[in-house]
């Protein structure tokens, strides 16, 4: 009888954990699934630090829990990524941050492999994640936009200045 109660408590705890990850998956702007097996302690510590600084939550979770959570969250295509050791990076605000940090880190750490992910509710392949990681950061994109918007104003200002200088030299 006592084994039955322990089993019931374990099942209830796992169901609660599944619900926690369903909520995380539903709230996340992006989710990246990676295999971090084989990273040294120093590499793992540095990776977690980089992710934390980017506002990304990084967890190693049992595949069975992640599979159930993905199914409950309506992300069935993601379940295939949960084979072998899986670590999951969640970002609620910056869509590009987890992909960028993990892809940059994977360049130097051979043992880190991106498996798949979810970008704004759409299950994405490893190749799509790596393409997103190659995009400039949000700040970089805003900087590019600002320079594009400033160019016409700058050109008008230069034209007005040239006309004013021409008028002065003619007078």
Protein backbone atom coordinates (compact mmCIF):
# COMPACT_ATOMS: atom_id res chain seq x y z
CA UNK A 1 0.00 0.00 0.00
CA UNK A 2 2.75 2.48 0.86
CA UNK A 3 4.36 2.00 -2.58
CA UNK A 4 1.07 2.96 -4.19
CA UNK A 5 0.92 6.26 -2.27
CA UNK A 6 4.50 7.13 -3.18
CA UNK A 7 3.74 6.41 -6.83
CA UNK A 8 0.60 8.58 -6.68
CA UNK A 9 2.59 11.45 -5.15
CA UNK A 10 5.27 11.12 -7.84
CA UNK A 11 2.67 11.14 -10.61
CA UNK A 12 1.00 14.22 -9.13
CA UNK A 13 4.37 15.98 -8.88
CA UNK A 14 5.19 15.15 -12.51
CA UNK A 15 1.75 16.35 -13.67
CA UNK A 16 2.35 19.62 -11.84
CA UNK A 17 5.76 19.94 -13.50
CA UNK A 18 4.17 19.33 -16.92
CA UNK A 19 1.71 22.16 -16.21
CA UNK A 20 4.58 24.48 -15.26
CA UNK A 21 6.30 23.79 -18.59
CA UNK A 22 3.05 24.15 -20.54
CA UNK A 23 2.73 27.65 -19.08
CA UNK A 24 6.39 28.45 -19.88
CA UNK A 25 5.91 27.24 -23.46
CA UNK A 26 2.73 29.27 -23.91
CA UNK A 27 4.31 32.46 -22.54
CA UNK A 28 7.64 32.17 -24.38
CA UNK A 29 8.43 34.31 -27.41
CA UNK A 30 10.99 31.67 -28.34
CA UNK A 31 12.09 28.25 -27.13
CA UNK A 32 15.30 26.52 -28.17
CA UNK A 33 15.96 22.83 -27.51
CA UNK A 34 19.62 21.85 -27.33
CA UNK A 35 21.83 18.95 -26.39
CA UNK A 36 24.47 20.22 -23.97
CA UNK A 37 25.85 16.80 -23.08
CA UNK A 38 29.61 16.80 -22.98
CA UNK A 39 30.10 20.45 -22.04
CA UNK A 40 32.72 20.94 -19.36
CA UNK A 41 31.66 22.48 -16.06
CA UNK A 42 33.35 25.75 -17.05
CA UNK A 43 31.61 25.78 -20.45
CA UNK A 44 28.23 25.03 -18.89
CA UNK A 45 28.73 27.76 -16.29
CA UNK A 46 29.71 30.29 -18.97
CA UNK A 47 26.78 29.29 -21.20
CA UNK A 48 24.29 29.69 -18.36
CA UNK A 49 25.83 33.07 -17.46
CA UNK A 50 25.54 34.28 -21.08
CA UNK A 51 21.92 33.13 -21.27
CA UNK A 52 21.02 34.70 -17.92
CA UNK A 53 22.54 38.04 -19.02
CA UNK A 54 20.38 37.88 -22.16
CA UNK A 55 17.26 37.28 -20.04
CA UNK A 56 16.93 33.65 -21.08
CA UNK A 57 15.91 30.81 -18.74
CA UNK A 58 17.84 27.57 -19.36
CA UNK A 59 16.77 24.23 -17.85
CA UNK A 60 17.61 20.57 -18.27
CA UNK A 61 14.33 18.66 -18.03
CA UNK A 62 13.26 15.05 -18.54
CA UNK A 63 12.11 14.38 -22.10
CA UNK A 64 8.88 12.72 -20.96
CA UNK A 65 7.84 15.89 -19.14
CA UNK A 66 8.82 18.11 -22.08
CA UNK A 67 6.97 15.87 -24.56
CA UNK A 68 3.76 15.98 -22.52
CA UNK A 69 4.09 19.74 -22.02
CA UNK A 70 4.66 20.32 -25.76
CA UNK A 71 1.59 18.24 -26.63
CA UNK A 72 -0.57 20.08 -24.09
CA UNK A 73 0.75 23.43 -25.39
CA UNK A 74 -0.17 22.45 -28.97
CA UNK A 75 3.45 22.14 -30.14
CA UNK A 76 3.32 18.53 -31.33
CA UNK A 77 6.12 18.95 -33.87
CA UNK A 78 8.50 19.87 -31.07
CA UNK A 79 8.15 16.48 -29.36
CA UNK A 80 10.52 14.91 -31.91
CA UNK A 81 13.37 17.09 -30.57
CA UNK A 82 13.04 15.53 -27.12
CA UNK A 83 15.25 12.50 -27.62
CA UNK A 84 18.54 12.10 -25.83
CA UNK A 85 19.58 14.70 -23.26
CA UNK A 86 17.60 17.91 -23.71
CA UNK A 87 18.14 21.37 -22.34
CA UNK A 88 15.55 24.05 -23.05
CA UNK A 89 16.06 27.80 -23.31
CA UNK A 90 12.99 30.03 -22.83
CA UNK A 91 12.80 33.73 -23.65
CA UNK A 92 9.63 35.68 -22.95
CA UNK A 93 10.74 38.96 -24.54
CA UNK A 94 13.57 38.71 -27.06
CA UNK A 95 12.82 36.23 -29.84
CA UNK A 96 16.39 36.15 -31.14
CA UNK A 97 18.36 36.09 -27.83
CA UNK A 98 18.30 32.35 -27.01
CA UNK A 99 19.09 31.33 -30.59
CA UNK A 100 21.88 33.90 -30.85
CA UNK A 101 23.52 33.02 -27.51
CA UNK A 102 23.32 29.25 -28.09
CA UNK A 103 24.51 29.44 -31.72
CA UNK A 104 27.40 31.77 -30.83
CA UNK A 105 28.41 29.48 -27.97
CA UNK A 106 28.12 26.38 -30.17
CA UNK A 107 30.76 27.83 -32.54
CA UNK A 108 33.40 27.36 -29.84
CA UNK A 109 31.87 24.44 -27.92
CA UNK A 110 31.59 21.40 -30.19
CA UNK A 111 29.48 19.55 -27.63
CA UNK A 112 26.57 22.00 -27.76
CA UNK A 113 24.06 21.14 -30.46
CA UNK A 114 20.84 22.99 -31.24
CA UNK A 115 18.07 20.48 -32.01
CA UNK A 116 14.97 22.57 -32.78
CA UNK A 117 12.82 25.31 -31.31
CA UNK A 118 9.71 27.41 -31.36
CA UNK A 119 9.71 30.97 -32.64
CA UNK A 120 6.56 32.96 -31.81
CA UNK A 121 4.44 29.81 -31.65
CA UNK A 122 5.84 28.13 -34.79
CA UNK A 123 7.93 24.97 -34.46
CA UNK A 124 11.25 25.62 -36.20
CA UNK A 125 14.05 23.36 -37.42
CA UNK A 126 17.70 23.58 -36.43
CA UNK A 127 18.45 25.36 -39.73
CA UNK A 128 15.73 27.98 -39.13
CA UNK A 129 17.03 28.58 -35.60
CA UNK A 130 20.57 29.07 -36.91
CA UNK A 131 19.28 31.49 -39.57
CA UNK A 132 17.49 33.53 -36.89
CA UNK A 133 20.66 33.48 -34.78
CA UNK A 134 22.57 35.11 -37.62
CA UNK A 135 20.25 38.13 -37.57
CA UNK A 136 21.50 41.28 -35.85
CA UNK A 137 20.28 41.89 -32.32
CA UNK A 138 17.18 44.01 -31.69
CA UNK A 139 19.42 46.99 -30.90
CA UNK A 140 21.39 46.43 -34.12
CA UNK A 141 18.19 46.30 -36.17
CA UNK A 142 16.88 49.47 -34.52
CA UNK A 143 20.22 51.18 -35.22
CA UNK A 144 19.99 50.18 -38.90
CA UNK A 145 16.41 51.45 -39.09
CA UNK A 146 17.38 54.74 -37.47
CA UNK A 147 20.23 55.32 -39.93
CA UNK A 148 17.90 54.58 -42.87
CA UNK A 149 15.35 57.04 -41.50
CA UNK A 150 18.02 59.70 -40.91
CA UNK A 151 19.52 59.49 -44.41
CA UNK A 152 16.82 61.56 -46.20
CA UNK A 153 16.89 64.21 -43.47
CA UNK A 154 20.68 64.35 -43.67
CA UNK A 155 20.52 64.71 -47.48
CA UNK A 156 18.00 67.56 -47.23
CA UNK A 157 20.17 69.29 -44.63
CA UNK A 158 23.24 68.98 -46.89
CA UNK A 159 21.28 70.34 -49.87
CA UNK A 160 20.01 73.32 -47.84
CA UNK A 161 23.54 73.99 -46.59
CA UNK A 162 24.91 73.84 -50.18
CA UNK A 163 22.23 76.26 -51.40
CA UNK A 164 22.95 78.62 -48.48
CA UNK A 165 26.69 78.54 -49.20
CA UNK A 166 26.05 79.17 -52.90
CA UNK A 167 23.82 82.15 -52.03
CA UNK A 168 26.51 83.56 -49.72
CA UNK A 169 29.27 83.21 -52.28
CA UNK A 170 27.08 84.83 -54.98
CA UNK A 171 26.32 87.84 -52.74
